[in-house]
């Protein structure tokens, strides 16, 4: 069942879904823009987090701008019984920003995906080699980024 928000709640969520104001009280800034008090903003966001509608607030690193210009999506073929264990090993690596288990298909049997970021040429290959050694898994497909075409966060309300 879809959640219905008031216009005020949608305005708060639209503001909270963009870059947070660079102030000591970012929720107060959002409240002022939405025409409500700061506690209203905090209460709405806390309630949505408690109900697991939102997971968290966090910084988004623009890896290209931060010097991580060598990136690779690596699709791994991992036995289903080891997928969680191997996923946890991969996810613990600081060079990996995304780690997913996905459905396989007869023509594409890779099930674990990692996004690896490197500062220099060859660094993603080094990480892959280390992960092969640690996990014993060497069946993978590396898809290196050639050019970033789009990098935005999802916008739910405007």
N, C-alpha and C. Protein backbone atom coordinates (compact mmCIF):
# COMPACT_ATOMS: atom_id res chain seq x y z
N UNK A 1 0.84 -1.17 0.00
CA UNK A 1 0.00 0.00 0.00
C UNK A 1 0.89 1.24 0.00
N UNK A 2 0.62 2.15 -0.89
CA UNK A 2 1.40 3.36 -1.01
C UNK A 2 1.12 4.29 0.16
N UNK A 3 2.16 4.98 0.59
CA UNK A 3 2.01 5.94 1.67
C UNK A 3 1.56 7.26 1.07
N UNK A 4 0.62 7.91 1.71
CA UNK A 4 0.15 9.22 1.25
C UNK A 4 0.74 10.29 2.18
N UNK A 5 1.39 11.26 1.57
CA UNK A 5 1.99 12.34 2.33
C UNK A 5 1.20 13.62 2.09
N UNK A 6 1.19 14.49 3.10
CA UNK A 6 0.59 15.81 2.92
C UNK A 6 1.52 16.64 2.03
N UNK A 7 1.03 17.76 1.54
CA UNK A 7 1.88 18.64 0.73
C UNK A 7 3.08 19.12 1.55
N UNK A 8 2.85 19.41 2.81
CA UNK A 8 3.95 19.86 3.69
C UNK A 8 4.99 18.76 3.85
N UNK A 9 4.53 17.53 4.08
CA UNK A 9 5.47 16.41 4.21
C UNK A 9 6.25 16.21 2.91
N UNK A 10 5.57 16.29 1.78
CA UNK A 10 6.27 16.16 0.49
C UNK A 10 7.32 17.25 0.34
N UNK A 11 7.00 18.47 0.76
CA UNK A 11 7.96 19.58 0.67
C UNK A 11 9.18 19.28 1.56
N UNK A 12 8.94 18.82 2.76
CA UNK A 12 10.04 18.49 3.68
C UNK A 12 10.91 17.39 3.06
N UNK A 13 10.27 16.35 2.54
CA UNK A 13 11.02 15.23 1.95
C UNK A 13 11.77 15.65 0.70
N UNK A 14 11.20 16.56 -0.09
CA UNK A 14 11.90 17.06 -1.27
C UNK A 14 13.16 17.80 -0.84
N UNK A 15 13.06 18.62 0.19
CA UNK A 15 14.22 19.37 0.68
C UNK A 15 15.25 18.45 1.33
N UNK A 16 14.77 17.47 2.09
CA UNK A 16 15.68 16.54 2.77
C UNK A 16 16.34 15.58 1.78
N UNK A 17 15.74 15.40 0.61
CA UNK A 17 16.28 14.48 -0.39
C UNK A 17 17.35 15.09 -1.27
N UNK A 18 17.64 16.36 -1.08
CA UNK A 18 18.71 17.00 -1.84
C UNK A 18 19.91 17.16 -0.91
N UNK A 19 20.90 17.90 -1.36
CA UNK A 19 22.05 18.16 -0.48
C UNK A 19 21.56 18.90 0.75
N UNK A 20 21.91 18.39 1.92
CA UNK A 20 21.50 19.07 3.15
C UNK A 20 22.22 20.42 3.23
N UNK A 21 21.54 21.43 3.78
CA UNK A 21 22.18 22.74 3.92
C UNK A 21 23.46 22.63 4.76
N UNK A 22 24.48 23.34 4.36
CA UNK A 22 25.76 23.32 5.06
C UNK A 22 25.71 24.33 6.21
N UNK A 23 24.94 23.96 7.22
CA UNK A 23 24.76 24.82 8.39
C UNK A 23 24.86 23.96 9.63
N UNK A 24 24.94 24.63 10.79
CA UNK A 24 24.98 23.88 12.04
C UNK A 24 23.64 23.21 12.35
N UNK A 25 22.55 23.74 11.78
CA UNK A 25 21.22 23.20 12.02
C UNK A 25 20.52 22.98 10.68
N UNK A 26 20.93 21.94 9.94
CA UNK A 26 20.34 21.73 8.62
C UNK A 26 18.83 21.46 8.64
N UNK A 27 18.34 20.84 9.70
CA UNK A 27 16.91 20.55 9.77
C UNK A 27 16.10 21.82 10.05
N UNK A 28 16.72 22.79 10.74
CA UNK A 28 16.07 24.08 10.94
C UNK A 28 15.97 24.82 9.60
N UNK A 29 17.02 24.73 8.80
CA UNK A 29 16.99 25.37 7.47
C UNK A 29 15.89 24.76 6.61
N UNK A 30 15.76 23.44 6.65
CA UNK A 30 14.70 22.75 5.90
C UNK A 30 13.34 23.21 6.42
N UNK A 31 13.19 23.28 7.74
CA UNK A 31 11.93 23.69 8.34
C UNK A 31 11.53 25.09 7.89
N UNK A 32 12.48 26.00 7.89
CA UNK A 32 12.19 27.38 7.48
C UNK A 32 11.74 27.42 6.02
N UNK A 33 12.39 26.64 5.16
CA UNK A 33 12.01 26.61 3.75
C UNK A 33 10.63 25.96 3.55
N UNK A 34 10.29 25.00 4.41
CA UNK A 34 9.01 24.29 4.29
C UNK A 34 7.88 25.00 5.02
N UNK A 35 8.23 26.01 5.82
CA UNK A 35 7.20 26.75 6.55
C UNK A 35 6.69 26.04 7.79
N UNK A 36 7.57 25.24 8.41
CA UNK A 36 7.20 24.52 9.63
C UNK A 36 8.30 24.73 10.66
N UNK A 37 8.11 24.18 11.86
CA UNK A 37 9.16 24.28 12.86
C UNK A 37 10.12 23.09 12.73
N UNK A 38 11.29 23.25 13.30
CA UNK A 38 12.34 22.23 13.19
C UNK A 38 11.89 20.88 13.74
N UNK A 39 11.14 20.86 14.83
CA UNK A 39 10.71 19.60 15.43
C UNK A 39 9.80 18.81 14.49
N UNK A 40 9.01 19.50 13.69
CA UNK A 40 8.14 18.83 12.72
C UNK A 40 8.99 18.05 11.71
N UNK A 41 10.06 18.67 11.25
CA UNK A 41 10.97 18.00 10.31
C UNK A 41 11.61 16.79 10.96
N UNK A 42 12.15 16.99 12.14
CA UNK A 42 12.84 15.90 12.85
C UNK A 42 11.86 14.75 13.15
N UNK A 43 10.65 15.09 13.61
CA UNK A 43 9.66 14.05 13.92
C UNK A 43 9.28 13.24 12.68
N UNK A 44 9.06 13.93 11.55
CA UNK A 44 8.69 13.22 10.31
C UNK A 44 9.81 12.27 9.89
N UNK A 45 11.03 12.75 9.86
CA UNK A 45 12.15 11.92 9.41
C UNK A 45 12.41 10.77 10.38
N UNK A 46 12.29 11.03 11.68
CA UNK A 46 12.49 9.97 12.68
C UNK A 46 11.41 8.90 12.53
N UNK A 47 10.16 9.33 12.31
CA UNK A 47 9.07 8.37 12.15
C UNK A 47 9.29 7.51 10.90
N UNK A 48 9.68 8.12 9.79
CA UNK A 48 9.91 7.36 8.55
C UNK A 48 11.09 6.40 8.72
N UNK A 49 12.08 6.81 9.48
CA UNK A 49 13.22 5.91 9.73
C UNK A 49 12.78 4.75 10.62
N UNK A 50 12.03 5.06 11.66
CA UNK A 50 11.55 4.01 12.58
C UNK A 50 10.70 2.98 11.82
N UNK A 51 9.90 3.45 10.86
CA UNK A 51 9.04 2.57 10.08
C UNK A 51 9.78 1.94 8.90
N UNK A 52 11.07 2.22 8.80
CA UNK A 52 11.95 1.66 7.76
C UNK A 52 11.55 2.09 6.35
N UNK A 53 10.96 3.27 6.26
CA UNK A 53 10.63 3.84 4.96
C UNK A 53 11.86 4.55 4.41
N UNK A 54 12.63 5.17 5.30
CA UNK A 54 13.96 5.66 4.93
C UNK A 54 14.96 4.91 5.81
N UNK A 55 16.14 4.66 5.25
CA UNK A 55 17.15 3.92 6.00
C UNK A 55 18.06 4.83 6.80
N UNK A 56 18.53 5.90 6.15
CA UNK A 56 19.54 6.71 6.81
C UNK A 56 19.75 8.00 6.03
N UNK A 57 20.50 8.89 6.63
CA UNK A 57 21.04 10.04 5.94
C UNK A 57 22.53 9.79 5.83
N UNK A 58 23.10 10.09 4.71
CA UNK A 58 24.53 9.87 4.57
C UNK A 58 25.10 10.71 3.45
N UNK A 59 26.39 10.85 3.52
CA UNK A 59 27.10 11.60 2.47
C UNK A 59 27.21 10.74 1.22
N UNK A 60 27.15 11.38 0.08
CA UNK A 60 27.37 10.71 -1.19
C UNK A 60 28.70 11.20 -1.73
N UNK A 61 29.62 10.29 -1.88
CA UNK A 61 30.93 10.65 -2.42
C UNK A 61 30.86 10.63 -3.93
N UNK A 62 31.19 11.73 -4.54
CA UNK A 62 31.31 11.79 -6.00
C UNK A 62 32.71 11.28 -6.32
N UNK A 63 32.82 9.96 -6.52
CA UNK A 63 34.13 9.32 -6.59
C UNK A 63 35.02 9.89 -7.68
N UNK A 64 34.46 10.27 -8.81
CA UNK A 64 35.28 10.85 -9.89
C UNK A 64 35.93 12.15 -9.41
N UNK A 65 35.14 13.00 -8.77
CA UNK A 65 35.64 14.29 -8.29
C UNK A 65 36.60 14.13 -7.12
N UNK A 66 36.48 13.02 -6.39
CA UNK A 66 37.33 12.78 -5.22
C UNK A 66 38.65 12.10 -5.60
N UNK A 67 38.87 11.89 -6.89
CA UNK A 67 40.14 11.32 -7.32
C UNK A 67 40.10 9.83 -7.60
N UNK A 68 38.92 9.23 -7.53
CA UNK A 68 38.80 7.80 -7.82
C UNK A 68 38.26 7.64 -9.24
N UNK A 69 39.15 7.86 -10.20
CA UNK A 69 38.77 7.86 -11.61
C UNK A 69 38.88 6.52 -12.30
N UNK A 70 39.29 5.50 -11.58
CA UNK A 70 39.47 4.16 -12.16
C UNK A 70 38.50 3.23 -11.43
N UNK A 71 37.41 2.90 -12.12
CA UNK A 71 36.32 2.18 -11.48
C UNK A 71 35.92 0.97 -12.30
N UNK A 72 35.45 -0.05 -11.60
CA UNK A 72 35.04 -1.28 -12.29
C UNK A 72 33.88 -1.94 -11.55
N UNK A 73 32.90 -2.36 -12.34
CA UNK A 73 31.84 -3.21 -11.81
C UNK A 73 32.31 -4.63 -12.06
N UNK A 74 32.38 -5.42 -11.01
CA UNK A 74 32.83 -6.80 -11.16
C UNK A 74 31.67 -7.72 -10.79
N UNK A 75 31.30 -8.56 -11.73
CA UNK A 75 30.25 -9.56 -11.51
C UNK A 75 30.96 -10.88 -11.21
N UNK A 76 30.61 -11.48 -10.10
CA UNK A 76 31.25 -12.71 -9.62
C UNK A 76 30.26 -13.87 -9.68
N UNK A 77 30.78 -15.05 -9.98
CA UNK A 77 29.96 -16.27 -9.92
C UNK A 77 30.31 -16.95 -8.59
N UNK A 78 29.35 -16.89 -7.66
CA UNK A 78 29.56 -17.41 -6.31
C UNK A 78 28.47 -18.43 -6.03
N UNK A 79 28.83 -19.56 -5.46
CA UNK A 79 27.81 -20.56 -5.14
C UNK A 79 26.80 -19.93 -4.18
N UNK A 80 25.52 -20.25 -4.36
CA UNK A 80 24.49 -19.64 -3.52
C UNK A 80 24.73 -19.82 -2.02
N UNK A 81 25.28 -20.97 -1.65
CA UNK A 81 25.52 -21.21 -0.22
C UNK A 81 26.64 -20.34 0.35
N UNK A 82 27.50 -19.77 -0.52
CA UNK A 82 28.58 -18.89 -0.05
C UNK A 82 28.31 -17.42 -0.32
N UNK A 83 27.20 -17.11 -0.97
CA UNK A 83 26.96 -15.73 -1.42
C UNK A 83 26.96 -14.72 -0.27
N UNK A 84 26.29 -15.00 0.82
CA UNK A 84 26.27 -14.07 1.95
C UNK A 84 27.66 -13.90 2.56
N UNK A 85 28.34 -15.01 2.77
CA UNK A 85 29.69 -14.97 3.36
C UNK A 85 30.64 -14.16 2.48
N UNK A 86 30.66 -14.46 1.19
CA UNK A 86 31.56 -13.77 0.26
C UNK A 86 31.14 -12.30 0.13
N UNK A 87 29.84 -12.05 0.09
CA UNK A 87 29.35 -10.67 0.03
C UNK A 87 29.83 -9.84 1.20
N UNK A 88 29.84 -10.42 2.38
CA UNK A 88 30.33 -9.70 3.56
C UNK A 88 31.82 -9.39 3.45
N UNK A 89 32.58 -10.32 2.92
CA UNK A 89 34.02 -10.09 2.70
C UNK A 89 34.22 -8.94 1.72
N UNK A 90 33.49 -8.99 0.60
CA UNK A 90 33.60 -7.93 -0.40
C UNK A 90 33.17 -6.59 0.20
N UNK A 91 32.04 -6.57 0.88
CA UNK A 91 31.48 -5.32 1.40
C UNK A 91 32.38 -4.66 2.44
N UNK A 92 33.23 -5.44 3.09
CA UNK A 92 34.13 -4.89 4.11
C UNK A 92 35.29 -4.10 3.50
N UNK A 93 35.52 -4.25 2.21
CA UNK A 93 36.64 -3.56 1.56
C UNK A 93 36.34 -2.08 1.38
N UNK A 94 37.26 -1.20 1.76
CA UNK A 94 37.02 0.24 1.60
C UNK A 94 36.95 0.69 0.15
N UNK A 95 37.52 -0.08 -0.77
CA UNK A 95 37.49 0.29 -2.20
C UNK A 95 36.15 -0.05 -2.85
N UNK A 96 35.31 -0.78 -2.13
CA UNK A 96 34.03 -1.22 -2.69
C UNK A 96 32.91 -0.39 -2.09
N UNK A 97 32.17 0.30 -2.99
CA UNK A 97 31.06 1.15 -2.52
C UNK A 97 29.72 0.44 -2.59
N UNK A 98 29.57 -0.51 -3.49
CA UNK A 98 28.31 -1.22 -3.67
C UNK A 98 28.59 -2.72 -3.76
N UNK A 99 27.75 -3.51 -3.11
CA UNK A 99 27.89 -4.96 -3.18
C UNK A 99 26.48 -5.55 -3.12
N UNK A 100 26.12 -6.26 -4.17
CA UNK A 100 24.76 -6.80 -4.30
C UNK A 100 24.78 -8.28 -4.66
N UNK A 101 23.76 -8.99 -4.18
CA UNK A 101 23.46 -10.33 -4.69
C UNK A 101 22.26 -10.14 -5.60
N UNK A 102 22.36 -10.67 -6.81
CA UNK A 102 21.27 -10.53 -7.78
C UNK A 102 20.89 -11.87 -8.37
N UNK A 103 19.73 -11.90 -8.99
CA UNK A 103 19.22 -13.10 -9.65
C UNK A 103 20.13 -13.45 -10.83
N UNK A 104 20.25 -14.73 -11.11
CA UNK A 104 21.00 -15.19 -12.28
C UNK A 104 20.02 -15.59 -13.38
N UNK A 105 20.57 -15.76 -14.58
CA UNK A 105 19.79 -16.18 -15.74
C UNK A 105 20.60 -17.22 -16.48
N UNK A 106 19.96 -18.07 -17.25
CA UNK A 106 20.72 -19.10 -17.96
C UNK A 106 21.87 -18.54 -18.79
N UNK A 107 21.68 -17.38 -19.39
CA UNK A 107 22.72 -16.79 -20.23
C UNK A 107 23.66 -15.86 -19.45
N UNK A 108 23.39 -15.62 -18.16
CA UNK A 108 24.25 -14.75 -17.34
C UNK A 108 24.19 -15.28 -15.91
N UNK A 109 25.19 -16.04 -15.50
CA UNK A 109 25.12 -16.76 -14.22
C UNK A 109 25.91 -16.10 -13.10
N UNK A 110 26.30 -14.85 -13.29
CA UNK A 110 26.97 -14.12 -12.21
C UNK A 110 25.92 -13.62 -11.23
N UNK A 111 26.20 -13.75 -9.93
CA UNK A 111 25.19 -13.41 -8.93
C UNK A 111 25.62 -12.40 -7.88
N UNK A 112 26.91 -12.11 -7.75
CA UNK A 112 27.38 -11.13 -6.78
C UNK A 112 28.09 -10.02 -7.55
N UNK A 113 27.71 -8.77 -7.24
CA UNK A 113 28.24 -7.62 -7.97
C UNK A 113 28.93 -6.67 -7.00
N UNK A 114 30.10 -6.18 -7.39
CA UNK A 114 30.82 -5.21 -6.59
C UNK A 114 31.21 -4.02 -7.46
N UNK A 115 31.12 -2.82 -6.90
CA UNK A 115 31.63 -1.63 -7.57
C UNK A 115 32.90 -1.24 -6.86
N UNK A 116 34.01 -1.35 -7.60
CA UNK A 116 35.33 -1.11 -7.02
C UNK A 116 35.88 0.21 -7.56
N UNK A 117 36.44 1.02 -6.67
CA UNK A 117 36.98 2.32 -7.03
C UNK A 117 38.48 2.35 -6.77
N UNK A 118 39.21 2.90 -7.73
CA UNK A 118 40.66 3.03 -7.59
C UNK A 118 41.13 4.43 -7.93
N UNK A 119 42.24 4.80 -7.33
CA UNK A 119 42.82 6.12 -7.58
C UNK A 119 43.78 6.11 -8.77
N UNK A 120 44.25 4.94 -9.14
CA UNK A 120 45.25 4.87 -10.21
C UNK A 120 44.96 3.68 -11.11
N UNK A 121 45.50 3.72 -12.33
CA UNK A 121 45.30 2.58 -13.24
C UNK A 121 45.80 1.28 -12.59
N UNK A 122 45.05 0.23 -12.76
CA UNK A 122 45.45 -1.08 -12.25
C UNK A 122 45.02 -1.37 -10.84
N UNK A 123 44.60 -0.36 -10.10
CA UNK A 123 44.24 -0.59 -8.70
C UNK A 123 43.03 -1.50 -8.56
N UNK A 124 42.04 -1.35 -9.43
CA UNK A 124 40.87 -2.24 -9.33
C UNK A 124 41.26 -3.68 -9.62
N UNK A 125 42.20 -3.88 -10.56
CA UNK A 125 42.68 -5.24 -10.84
C UNK A 125 43.39 -5.83 -9.62
N UNK A 126 44.13 -5.00 -8.90
CA UNK A 126 44.82 -5.47 -7.69
C UNK A 126 43.81 -5.91 -6.63
N UNK A 127 42.74 -5.13 -6.47
CA UNK A 127 41.70 -5.48 -5.49
C UNK A 127 41.05 -6.79 -5.89
N UNK A 128 40.73 -6.95 -7.17
CA UNK A 128 40.12 -8.20 -7.65
C UNK A 128 41.05 -9.38 -7.35
N UNK A 129 42.34 -9.23 -7.62
CA UNK A 129 43.30 -10.31 -7.37
C UNK A 129 43.35 -10.66 -5.87
N UNK A 130 43.31 -9.65 -5.02
CA UNK A 130 43.32 -9.91 -3.57
C UNK A 130 42.04 -10.64 -3.15
N UNK A 131 40.91 -10.23 -3.71
CA UNK A 131 39.64 -10.88 -3.36
C UNK A 131 39.60 -12.32 -3.86
N UNK A 132 40.18 -12.56 -5.02
CA UNK A 132 40.28 -13.95 -5.52
C UNK A 132 41.06 -14.80 -4.53
N UNK A 133 42.17 -14.26 -4.05
CA UNK A 133 43.03 -15.00 -3.13
C UNK A 133 42.31 -15.25 -1.80
N UNK A 134 41.62 -14.25 -1.29
CA UNK A 134 40.93 -14.37 0.00
C UNK A 134 39.76 -15.34 -0.07
N UNK A 135 38.99 -15.27 -1.16
CA UNK A 135 37.75 -16.07 -1.23
C UNK A 135 37.90 -17.37 -2.00
N UNK A 136 38.95 -17.47 -2.82
CA UNK A 136 39.12 -18.65 -3.66
C UNK A 136 38.22 -18.61 -4.89
N UNK A 137 37.60 -17.48 -5.15
CA UNK A 137 36.70 -17.35 -6.30
C UNK A 137 37.40 -16.57 -7.40
N UNK A 138 37.56 -17.22 -8.55
CA UNK A 138 38.24 -16.54 -9.66
C UNK A 138 37.37 -16.44 -10.91
N UNK A 139 36.11 -16.80 -10.77
CA UNK A 139 35.20 -16.73 -11.90
C UNK A 139 34.43 -15.41 -11.81
N UNK A 140 34.82 -14.46 -12.62
CA UNK A 140 34.20 -13.13 -12.58
C UNK A 140 34.33 -12.45 -13.93
N UNK A 141 33.59 -11.38 -14.07
CA UNK A 141 33.63 -10.56 -15.28
C UNK A 141 33.82 -9.12 -14.83
N UNK A 142 34.87 -8.47 -15.30
CA UNK A 142 35.16 -7.09 -14.92
C UNK A 142 34.72 -6.14 -16.02
N UNK A 143 33.88 -5.19 -15.65
CA UNK A 143 33.38 -4.18 -16.57
C UNK A 143 33.93 -2.83 -16.11
N UNK A 144 34.93 -2.32 -16.81
CA UNK A 144 35.57 -1.06 -16.40
C UNK A 144 34.82 0.13 -16.95
N UNK A 145 34.74 1.16 -16.12
CA UNK A 145 34.07 2.39 -16.53
C UNK A 145 34.95 3.13 -17.52
N UNK A 146 34.34 3.55 -18.61
CA UNK A 146 35.05 4.36 -19.60
C UNK A 146 34.73 5.84 -19.41
N UNK A 147 33.47 6.12 -19.09
CA UNK A 147 33.04 7.50 -18.95
C UNK A 147 31.78 7.53 -18.10
N UNK A 148 31.72 8.47 -17.16
CA UNK A 148 30.52 8.62 -16.34
C UNK A 148 29.54 9.49 -17.09
N UNK A 149 28.35 8.95 -17.35
CA UNK A 149 27.33 9.68 -18.09
C UNK A 149 26.31 10.35 -17.18
N UNK A 150 26.05 9.74 -16.04
CA UNK A 150 25.10 10.31 -15.10
C UNK A 150 25.42 9.82 -13.70
N UNK A 151 25.32 10.72 -12.74
CA UNK A 151 25.49 10.34 -11.34
C UNK A 151 24.60 11.28 -10.53
N UNK A 152 23.43 10.80 -10.18
CA UNK A 152 22.50 11.59 -9.38
C UNK A 152 21.84 10.70 -8.36
N UNK A 153 21.28 11.33 -7.37
CA UNK A 153 20.48 10.60 -6.39
C UNK A 153 19.04 10.59 -6.88
N UNK A 154 18.31 9.62 -6.42
CA UNK A 154 16.90 9.51 -6.78
C UNK A 154 16.13 10.70 -6.21
N UNK A 155 15.22 11.26 -6.98
CA UNK A 155 14.37 12.36 -6.53
C UNK A 155 12.94 11.83 -6.46
N UNK A 156 12.35 11.87 -5.27
CA UNK A 156 11.01 11.35 -5.08
C UNK A 156 9.95 12.44 -5.06
N UNK A 157 10.32 13.62 -4.57
CA UNK A 157 9.38 14.74 -4.51
C UNK A 157 10.11 15.98 -5.02
N UNK A 158 9.38 16.85 -5.70
CA UNK A 158 9.99 18.10 -6.18
C UNK A 158 9.35 19.28 -5.51
